[in-house]
Amino acid sequence: MLDIKRLREDTDTVIKRLELRGEDFSHLKDTLTQDELRRQIIQDVERLKKERNETSKLIGQYKREGKDTADIFKQIEDNKEEISSLEAQKNTLETSIRDTLLRTPNIPHKDIPVGKDDTQNKVLREVGDIPVFDFEPKAHWDLGTDLDILDFKRASKVAASRFTIYKGLGSRLERGLINFMLDMHVDEHGYHELMLPYIVNKESMTATGQLPKFEDDAFKLTDERELYLNPTAEVPGINMHRGEILDASELPKRYVAFTTAFRQEAGSAGRDTRGIIRQHQFNKVELIKFAKPENSYDELDKMLENSENILKALNLPYRVVEICSGDLGFSMAKTYDIEVYLPSYGTYREIGSISNAEDYQARRGNIKYRPSKDSKPEYLHTLNGSGLAVGRTVVAIMENYQQADGSIRVPEVLKGILRTDIIK
């Protein structure tokens, strides 16, 4: 959440930086006006409470002196009503201010590229060789159907569009990739593995930035407890430490978790309607970190390297892109996208995002650390990244490893897991 103290102290700079996202944030000046009124009301309430206490002390004195106390009680009652009215105004203002701040995105990092949309993202590097085929390559939806390892028609029958049934070696490939990714992140990269709930509450969705602005993209349960299907392991993972104060010696905390994620994909009508690039239900291995502010960007670079290592091990061609201000995710200050090459698209498509939210989610979720034993708690930085999107990795393997006869070679590192060297 935006730090209102920072907004007060450097209003024009904060608004200018936010507007690099391509939106108008001048309304935040109205929020500051509300904040000034709120702070004045707090002072007025404190003054009135002090006056009430001083007036109350006169009751005993008046009684001892035999004086009429009716006027004093009336003063106290009037004072009480005024305090009640002011506190109601304060609560209304605080609700409005909080709602505005919850709907305001993170401030873009000062060093990220400035741009209006994804066409102005900055390609940092390309890794691996794009495959050259001596035959007409197929898209993964055709490969999957021909090999009977992906079933879109029956998935639509049992659920709806944008669902897939994996079959046979398709199921084993997805499952094998999950284990491969988890093992590499735990054994080689030093993450601590988690198994997280697939259902999260409203507070968790709010802390990470999914609510209130993006409620249309969430699957909400018909439950009076206001529960949602997990949209990404970032939500339960970050919220593990919501409301906690961590010790500096515990940082950085590095977690990895596999979850199935669920998204409405609101606003994506007509996009990626075929195949498994954009699904309502998909599997993902997620990396999560809690770091000291001074170390968080070093940890971001390490997280990016960890995710790249998965693609290097699978020998898949990819590129790393730095996201510009106009394409930046709501809760993030800086993001790198990893994009894998897909022959069916003739270009690179996102397979993972690696992001630093700085203290934005920590403020929303009240997650702090104590720099030293005697110091005051401070907000830490939260980071999250795909390590990787499993379904899209399946797509990349299918399309980049396909052969002229419609079969798919299995990457060397997966042959033992799949117990075969070819899908046919």
Protein backbone atom coordinates (compact mmCIF):
# COMPACT_ATOMS: atom_id res chain seq x y z
CA MET A 1 0.00 0.00 0.00
CA LEU A 2 1.17 3.51 -0.74
CA ASP A 3 2.80 5.16 2.27
CA ILE A 4 0.64 8.20 2.97
CA LYS A 5 3.49 9.83 4.87
CA ARG A 6 5.58 9.67 1.70
CA LEU A 7 2.64 11.09 -0.25
CA ARG A 8 2.35 13.99 2.21
CA GLU A 9 6.05 14.80 2.15
CA ASP A 10 6.70 14.47 -1.59
CA THR A 11 3.28 14.78 -3.22
CA ASP A 12 4.25 15.96 -6.69
CA THR A 13 7.07 13.44 -7.12
CA VAL A 14 4.94 10.50 -5.99
CA ILE A 15 2.08 11.45 -8.32
CA LYS A 16 4.48 12.04 -11.21
CA ARG A 17 6.09 8.61 -10.70
CA LEU A 18 2.71 6.88 -10.47
CA GLU A 19 1.57 8.55 -13.67
CA LEU A 20 4.41 6.80 -15.51
CA ARG A 21 1.97 3.88 -15.43
CA GLY A 22 -0.18 5.79 -17.91
CA GLU A 23 -3.00 6.79 -15.55
CA ASP A 24 -4.09 10.02 -13.87
CA PHE A 25 -3.38 10.09 -10.12
CA SER A 26 -4.16 13.76 -9.43
CA HIS A 27 -7.07 12.59 -7.23
CA LEU A 28 -4.50 11.72 -4.58
CA LYS A 29 -4.38 15.43 -3.73
CA ASP A 30 -8.03 15.12 -2.68
CA THR A 31 -6.99 12.20 -0.50
CA LEU A 32 -4.40 14.40 1.18
CA THR A 33 -7.11 17.01 1.84
CA GLN A 34 -9.16 14.28 3.51
CA ASP A 35 -6.08 13.25 5.47
CA GLU A 36 -5.53 16.81 6.73
CA LEU A 37 -9.16 16.99 7.86
CA ARG A 38 -8.83 13.59 9.54
CA ARG A 39 -5.75 14.72 11.47
CA GLN A 40 -7.50 17.96 12.51
CA ILE A 41 -10.47 15.94 13.78
CA ILE A 42 -8.10 13.75 15.83
CA GLN A 43 -6.70 16.89 17.47
CA ASP A 44 -10.20 18.25 18.10
CA VAL A 45 -11.31 14.97 19.68
CA GLU A 46 -8.27 14.94 21.95
CA ARG A 47 -9.01 18.55 23.00
CA LEU A 48 -12.67 17.74 23.69
CA LYS A 49 -11.76 14.65 25.71
CA LYS A 50 -9.37 16.73 27.79
CA GLU A 51 -12.10 19.33 28.36
CA ARG A 52 -14.57 16.58 29.32
CA ASN A 53 -12.15 15.15 31.86
CA GLU A 54 -11.53 18.56 33.39
CA THR A 55 -15.28 19.27 33.53
CA SER A 56 -15.95 15.87 35.12
CA LYS A 57 -13.58 16.73 37.95
CA LEU A 58 -15.89 19.62 38.89
CA ILE A 59 -18.82 17.31 39.69
CA GLY A 60 -17.44 16.24 43.07
CA GLN A 61 -16.44 19.80 43.93
CA TYR A 62 -19.92 21.14 43.08
CA LYS A 63 -21.58 18.42 45.16
CA ARG A 64 -19.38 19.17 48.16
CA GLU A 65 -20.22 22.85 47.83
CA GLY A 66 -23.93 22.11 47.36
CA LYS A 67 -24.01 23.63 43.88
CA ASP A 68 -26.33 22.55 41.06
CA THR A 69 -24.51 20.10 38.73
CA ALA A 70 -27.13 20.16 35.92
CA ASP A 71 -25.08 22.51 33.72
CA ILE A 72 -21.97 20.41 34.17
CA PHE A 73 -23.77 17.22 33.14
CA LYS A 74 -25.22 19.03 30.14
CA GLN A 75 -21.72 20.20 29.15
CA ILE A 76 -20.44 16.64 29.44
CA GLU A 77 -23.34 15.27 27.39
CA ASP A 78 -22.88 17.94 24.71
CA ASN A 79 -19.15 17.20 24.69
CA LYS A 80 -19.85 13.48 24.32
CA GLU A 81 -22.19 14.07 21.36
CA GLU A 82 -19.64 16.30 19.63
CA ILE A 83 -16.91 13.70 20.11
CA SER A 84 -19.19 11.00 18.74
CA SER A 85 -20.02 13.10 15.68
CA LEU A 86 -16.35 13.90 15.03
CA GLU A 87 -15.31 10.27 15.41
CA ALA A 88 -17.98 9.22 12.92
CA GLN A 89 -16.56 11.78 10.48
CA LYS A 90 -13.07 10.47 11.14
CA ASN A 91 -14.13 6.87 10.49
CA THR A 92 -15.78 7.88 7.21
CA LEU A 93 -12.64 9.73 6.13
CA GLU A 94 -10.38 6.83 7.12
CA THR A 95 -12.51 4.38 5.14
CA SER A 96 -12.35 6.60 2.07
CA ILE A 97 -8.60 7.18 2.40
CA ARG A 98 -7.89 3.49 2.90
CA ASP A 99 -10.02 2.52 -0.09
CA THR A 100 -8.17 4.99 -2.30
CA LEU A 101 -4.77 3.78 -1.10
CA LEU A 102 -5.75 0.13 -1.61
CA ARG A 103 -6.74 0.95 -5.20
CA THR A 104 -3.52 2.86 -5.86
CA PRO A 105 -0.71 0.77 -7.38
CA ASN A 106 2.90 0.59 -6.29
CA ILE A 107 5.32 3.35 -7.26
CA PRO A 108 7.50 2.23 -10.19
CA HIS A 109 11.20 1.87 -9.39
CA LYS A 110 13.15 4.90 -10.57
CA ASP A 111 15.39 2.88 -12.90
CA ILE A 112 12.82 0.89 -14.88
CA PRO A 113 12.14 1.77 -18.55
CA VAL A 114 9.42 4.35 -19.11
CA GLY A 115 6.83 3.21 -21.64
CA LYS A 116 3.13 3.03 -22.33
CA ASP A 117 2.66 -0.72 -22.86
CA ASP A 118 4.39 -4.06 -23.49
CA THR A 119 5.71 -2.88 -26.87
CA GLN A 120 8.14 -0.68 -24.95
CA ASN A 121 9.52 -3.33 -22.63
CA LYS A 122 13.31 -3.69 -22.82
CA VAL A 123 14.86 -6.96 -23.99
CA LEU A 124 17.94 -7.57 -21.84
CA ARG A 125 19.22 -10.82 -23.33
CA GLU A 126 18.31 -13.81 -25.47
CA VAL A 127 19.55 -17.25 -24.49
CA GLY A 128 19.61 -20.45 -26.54
CA ASP A 129 19.07 -21.21 -30.20
CA ILE A 130 15.68 -20.88 -31.84
CA PRO A 131 14.88 -24.23 -33.48
CA VAL A 132 14.98 -24.58 -37.25
CA PHE A 133 12.66 -27.27 -38.66
CA ASP A 134 12.87 -28.99 -42.04
CA PHE A 135 9.12 -29.57 -41.81
CA GLU A 136 6.05 -27.49 -40.98
CA PRO A 137 5.96 -27.40 -37.16
CA LYS A 138 2.64 -27.94 -35.39
CA ALA A 139 1.09 -25.91 -32.59
CA HIS A 140 0.91 -27.64 -29.23
CA TRP A 141 -2.88 -27.97 -29.40
CA ASP A 142 -2.56 -30.03 -32.57
CA LEU A 143 0.37 -32.04 -31.24
CA GLY A 144 -1.46 -32.73 -27.99
CA THR A 145 -4.64 -33.83 -29.74
CA ASP A 146 -2.83 -36.00 -32.31
CA LEU A 147 -0.79 -37.72 -29.59
CA ASP A 148 -3.85 -38.00 -27.31
CA ILE A 149 -2.05 -36.35 -24.39
CA LEU A 150 -4.24 -33.21 -24.21
CA ASP A 151 -8.04 -33.31 -24.39
CA PHE A 152 -9.69 -29.92 -24.77
CA LYS A 153 -13.09 -31.16 -25.95
CA ARG A 154 -13.79 -33.37 -22.95
CA ALA A 155 -12.43 -30.74 -20.54
CA SER A 156 -14.96 -28.28 -21.94
CA LYS A 157 -17.68 -30.90 -21.47
CA VAL A 158 -16.89 -31.56 -17.81
CA ALA A 159 -16.06 -27.94 -16.92
CA ALA A 160 -16.01 -25.08 -19.47
CA SER A 161 -13.77 -23.57 -22.10
CA ARG A 162 -10.20 -22.72 -21.02
CA PHE A 163 -9.78 -26.02 -19.17
CA THR A 164 -7.66 -28.99 -20.26
CA ILE A 165 -7.49 -32.68 -19.43
CA TYR A 166 -3.93 -34.06 -19.50
CA LYS A 167 -3.65 -37.72 -20.46
CA GLY A 168 -0.94 -40.39 -20.40
CA LEU A 169 2.53 -38.96 -21.02
CA GLY A 170 1.00 -35.48 -21.05
CA SER A 171 0.05 -35.94 -17.41
CA ARG A 172 3.43 -37.43 -16.61
CA LEU A 173 5.22 -34.54 -18.33
CA GLU A 174 3.29 -31.96 -16.28
CA ARG A 175 3.83 -33.90 -13.05
CA GLY A 176 7.48 -34.55 -13.87
CA LEU A 177 8.12 -30.86 -14.50
CA ILE A 178 6.59 -29.92 -11.15
CA ASN A 179 8.94 -32.29 -9.34
CA PHE A 180 11.92 -31.23 -11.45
CA MET A 181 11.34 -27.54 -10.72
CA LEU A 182 10.76 -28.05 -7.00
CA ASP A 183 13.82 -30.26 -6.62
CA MET A 184 16.10 -27.79 -8.41
CA HIS A 185 14.86 -24.83 -6.38
CA VAL A 186 15.21 -26.73 -3.10
CA ASP A 187 18.39 -28.72 -3.71
CA GLU A 188 20.38 -26.26 -5.84
CA HIS A 189 18.93 -22.83 -5.06
CA GLY A 190 18.28 -23.16 -1.33
CA TYR A 191 14.52 -22.53 -1.11
CA HIS A 192 12.32 -24.02 1.61
CA GLU A 193 9.44 -26.01 0.15
CA LEU A 194 5.84 -25.30 1.14
CA MET A 195 2.49 -26.94 0.46
CA LEU A 196 -0.05 -24.14 0.66
CA PRO A 197 -3.86 -23.91 0.85
CA TYR A 198 -5.69 -23.58 -2.46
CA ILE A 199 -8.32 -21.38 -0.80
CA VAL A 200 -7.50 -17.96 0.66
CA ASN A 201 -9.47 -15.34 2.56
CA LYS A 202 -10.30 -11.74 1.74
CA GLU A 203 -7.55 -10.37 3.98
CA SER A 204 -4.94 -12.41 2.11
CA MET A 205 -6.21 -11.28 -1.28
CA THR A 206 -6.16 -7.66 -0.10
CA ALA A 207 -2.65 -7.82 1.37
CA THR A 208 -1.06 -8.94 -1.90
CA GLY A 209 -3.05 -6.53 -4.07
CA GLN A 210 -5.66 -8.73 -5.76
CA LEU A 211 -8.44 -6.92 -3.89
CA PRO A 212 -10.23 -4.63 -4.13
CA LYS A 213 -9.27 -3.60 -7.67
CA PHE A 214 -9.08 -7.01 -9.38
CA GLU A 215 -12.00 -8.86 -7.83
CA ASP A 216 -13.46 -9.60 -11.28
CA ASP A 217 -10.45 -11.80 -12.06
CA ALA A 218 -10.88 -13.96 -8.96
CA PHE A 219 -13.02 -17.04 -8.40
CA LYS A 220 -15.03 -16.23 -5.28
CA LEU A 221 -16.64 -19.08 -3.34
CA THR A 222 -20.31 -18.95 -2.38
CA ASP A 223 -19.37 -18.94 1.26
CA GLU A 224 -20.22 -16.41 3.97
CA ARG A 225 -16.54 -16.37 5.00
CA GLU A 226 -15.53 -14.49 1.81
CA LEU A 227 -13.11 -17.08 0.49
CA TYR A 228 -11.44 -17.24 -2.91
CA LEU A 229 -9.70 -19.86 -5.00
CA ASN A 230 -5.96 -19.24 -4.97
CA PRO A 231 -4.95 -17.10 -8.00
CA THR A 232 -1.22 -17.69 -7.41
CA ALA A 233 0.95 -19.13 -4.63
CA GLU A 234 2.12 -15.56 -4.01
CA VAL A 235 -1.12 -14.96 -2.09
CA PRO A 236 -0.96 -17.71 0.55
CA GLY A 237 2.86 -17.57 0.57
CA ILE A 238 3.18 -13.86 1.33
CA ASN A 239 0.32 -14.00 3.83
CA MET A 240 2.00 -16.70 5.90
CA HIS A 241 3.71 -13.84 7.71
CA ARG A 242 0.88 -11.29 7.61
CA GLY A 243 0.79 -9.36 10.89
CA GLU A 244 4.15 -10.71 12.03
CA ILE A 245 7.45 -9.15 13.05
CA LEU A 246 10.41 -11.21 11.83
CA ASP A 247 13.91 -11.11 13.24
CA ALA A 248 16.65 -9.74 10.98
CA SER A 249 18.58 -12.98 11.40
CA GLU A 250 15.73 -14.85 9.67
CA LEU A 251 16.08 -12.82 6.48
CA PRO A 252 16.04 -13.45 3.67
CA LYS A 253 13.37 -16.11 3.86
CA ARG A 254 13.19 -18.09 0.61
CA TYR A 255 10.15 -20.25 -0.10
CA VAL A 256 9.11 -22.37 -3.08
CA ALA A 257 5.63 -23.78 -3.54
CA PHE A 258 3.69 -25.64 -6.17
CA THR A 259 -0.01 -24.80 -6.38
CA THR A 260 -2.79 -25.01 -8.86
CA ALA A 261 -3.93 -21.46 -9.62
CA PHE A 262 -7.39 -20.26 -10.67
CA ARG A 263 -8.19 -17.08 -12.60
CA GLN A 264 -11.26 -15.75 -14.35
CA GLU A 265 -9.06 -14.19 -17.05
CA ALA A 266 -11.40 -11.20 -17.08
CA GLY A 267 -10.77 -8.97 -20.06
CA SER A 268 -8.94 -11.66 -22.06
CA ALA A 269 -11.82 -12.54 -24.40
CA GLY A 270 -10.50 -13.65 -27.76
CA ARG A 271 -6.90 -13.94 -26.56
CA ASP A 272 -5.12 -17.33 -26.63
CA THR A 273 -8.41 -19.19 -27.00
CA ARG A 274 -6.68 -22.33 -28.27
CA GLY A 275 -4.36 -24.52 -26.27
CA ILE A 276 -3.10 -24.09 -22.72
CA ILE A 277 -1.42 -20.69 -22.77
CA ARG A 278 -4.32 -18.93 -21.00
CA GLN A 279 -6.39 -21.19 -18.75
CA HIS A 280 -8.81 -20.75 -15.85
CA GLN A 281 -6.87 -23.48 -13.99
CA PHE A 282 -3.13 -23.98 -14.29
CA ASN A 283 -0.16 -25.27 -12.34
CA LYS A 284 2.73 -23.09 -11.26
CA VAL A 285 5.85 -23.35 -9.15
CA GLU A 286 6.26 -20.05 -7.30
CA LEU A 287 9.28 -18.48 -5.60
CA ILE A 288 8.66 -16.17 -2.63
CA LYS A 289 11.12 -14.08 -0.63
CA PHE A 290 11.05 -11.83 2.42
CA ALA A 291 14.13 -9.60 2.45
CA LYS A 292 15.72 -6.61 4.13
CA PRO A 293 15.18 -3.47 2.03
CA GLU A 294 18.90 -3.00 1.44
CA ASN A 295 19.25 -6.55 0.05
CA SER A 296 16.01 -6.99 -1.87
CA TYR A 297 17.33 -6.13 -5.33
CA ASP A 298 20.24 -8.54 -4.95
CA GLU A 299 17.65 -11.16 -4.03
CA LEU A 300 15.60 -10.19 -7.10
CA ASP A 301 18.61 -10.83 -9.35
CA LYS A 302 19.20 -14.21 -7.69
CA MET A 303 15.55 -15.16 -8.12
CA LEU A 304 15.74 -14.30 -11.82
CA GLU A 305 18.83 -16.45 -12.19
CA ASN A 306 17.11 -19.34 -10.36
CA SER A 307 14.19 -19.31 -12.78
CA GLU A 308 16.47 -18.99 -15.80
CA ASN A 309 18.33 -22.08 -14.62
CA ILE A 310 15.18 -24.16 -15.15
CA LEU A 311 15.00 -23.17 -18.82
CA LYS A 312 18.74 -23.64 -19.29
CA ALA A 313 18.49 -27.16 -17.87
CA LEU A 314 15.61 -27.90 -20.25
CA ASN A 315 17.60 -26.39 -23.14
CA LEU A 316 14.74 -24.11 -24.17
CA PRO A 317 15.36 -20.80 -25.98
CA TYR A 318 14.21 -17.78 -24.00
CA ARG A 319 14.76 -14.10 -23.41
CA VAL A 320 14.67 -11.82 -20.37
CA VAL A 321 12.65 -8.61 -20.62
CA GLU A 322 12.57 -5.67 -18.21
CA ILE A 323 8.99 -4.46 -17.87
CA CYS A 324 8.33 -0.79 -18.57
CA SER A 325 6.26 1.51 -16.36
CA GLY A 326 3.07 1.20 -18.44
CA ASP A 327 3.08 -2.60 -18.35
CA LEU A 328 4.07 -3.02 -14.70
CA GLY A 329 1.93 -5.20 -12.43
CA PHE A 330 -0.25 -3.41 -9.89
CA SER A 331 1.67 -4.36 -6.73
CA MET A 332 5.18 -4.33 -8.17
CA ALA A 333 7.96 -1.75 -8.24
CA LYS A 334 10.12 -3.68 -10.70
CA THR A 335 9.54 -6.80 -12.80
CA TYR A 336 11.50 -8.99 -15.18
CA ASP A 337 9.60 -11.29 -17.51
CA ILE A 338 11.10 -14.50 -18.80
CA GLU A 339 9.72 -15.32 -22.23
CA VAL A 340 10.19 -18.68 -23.93
CA TYR A 341 10.24 -19.09 -27.70
CA LEU A 342 7.16 -20.83 -29.15
CA PRO A 343 7.30 -21.89 -32.81
CA SER A 344 3.50 -21.79 -33.19
CA TYR A 345 3.54 -18.06 -32.37
CA GLY A 346 6.82 -17.37 -34.13
CA THR A 347 7.86 -15.29 -31.16
CA TYR A 348 8.51 -15.36 -27.40
CA ARG A 349 5.72 -15.68 -24.84
CA GLU A 350 5.83 -15.10 -21.09
CA ILE A 351 6.61 -18.15 -18.98
CA GLY A 352 7.47 -16.37 -15.75
CA SER A 353 7.56 -12.99 -14.00
CA ILE A 354 10.12 -12.09 -11.33
CA SER A 355 9.12 -9.08 -9.22
CA ASN A 356 10.01 -6.92 -6.24
CA ALA A 357 7.05 -5.31 -4.47
CA GLU A 358 9.41 -3.50 -2.07
CA ASP A 359 7.37 -2.57 1.05
CA TYR A 360 4.03 -2.25 -0.80
CA GLN A 361 2.60 -5.66 0.16
CA ALA A 362 4.29 -5.52 3.56
CA ARG A 363 2.34 -2.34 4.37
CA ARG A 364 -0.93 -3.88 3.21
CA GLY A 365 -0.25 -7.04 5.22
CA ASN A 366 1.60 -5.38 8.14
CA ILE A 367 4.70 -7.56 7.72
CA LYS A 368 7.74 -6.15 9.50
CA TYR A 369 11.19 -7.11 10.72
CA ARG A 370 13.31 -5.88 13.60
CA PRO A 371 16.71 -4.76 12.26
CA SER A 372 18.29 -5.22 15.68
CA LYS A 373 17.23 -6.38 19.12
CA ASP A 374 16.44 -2.90 20.43
CA SER A 375 15.25 -1.22 17.23
CA LYS A 376 11.72 -0.40 16.16
CA PRO A 377 10.10 -2.78 13.66
CA GLU A 378 10.29 -1.70 10.03
CA TYR A 379 8.52 -2.90 6.90
CA LEU A 380 10.48 -5.51 4.97
CA HIS A 381 10.41 -6.14 1.21
CA THR A 382 8.50 -8.97 -0.46
CA LEU A 383 9.44 -10.61 -3.75
CA ASN A 384 7.80 -13.28 -5.83
CA GLY A 385 8.51 -15.02 -9.09
CA SER A 386 7.42 -17.86 -11.32
CA GLY A 387 9.75 -20.76 -11.15
CA LEU A 388 8.02 -21.56 -13.62
CA ALA A 389 4.50 -21.70 -15.07
CA VAL A 390 4.25 -25.45 -15.60
CA GLY A 391 1.67 -25.59 -18.39
CA ARG A 392 3.56 -23.08 -20.49
CA THR A 393 6.74 -25.08 -19.96
CA VAL A 394 4.88 -28.13 -21.28
CA VAL A 395 3.89 -26.07 -24.33
CA ALA A 396 7.50 -24.98 -24.88
CA ILE A 397 8.80 -28.54 -24.71
CA MET A 398 6.11 -29.88 -27.01
CA GLU A 399 6.68 -27.25 -29.68
CA ASN A 400 10.48 -26.91 -29.51
CA TYR A 401 11.18 -30.65 -29.23
CA GLN A 402 8.69 -31.85 -31.86
CA GLN A 403 9.78 -34.08 -34.74
CA ALA A 404 8.61 -34.53 -38.32
CA ASP A 405 6.55 -37.63 -37.48
CA GLY A 406 4.57 -35.72 -34.82
CA SER A 407 6.44 -37.23 -31.88
CA ILE A 408 8.15 -35.14 -29.18
CA ARG A 409 11.66 -35.72 -27.90
CA VAL A 410 12.01 -35.58 -24.11
CA PRO A 411 14.61 -33.14 -22.71
CA GLU A 412 17.64 -34.96 -21.35
CA VAL A 413 17.01 -33.93 -17.73
CA LEU A 414 13.45 -35.32 -17.82
CA LYS A 415 14.13 -38.73 -19.38
CA GLY A 416 14.59 -40.44 -16.02
CA ILE A 417 11.46 -38.79 -14.60
CA LEU A 418 9.28 -39.66 -17.59
CA ARG A 419 10.96 -43.08 -18.04
CA THR A 420 11.08 -42.53 -21.80
CA ASP A 421 13.01 -40.45 -24.28
CA ILE A 422 10.12 -39.83 -26.65
CA ILE A 423 6.40 -39.02 -26.53
CA LYS A 424 4.64 -40.68 -29.43
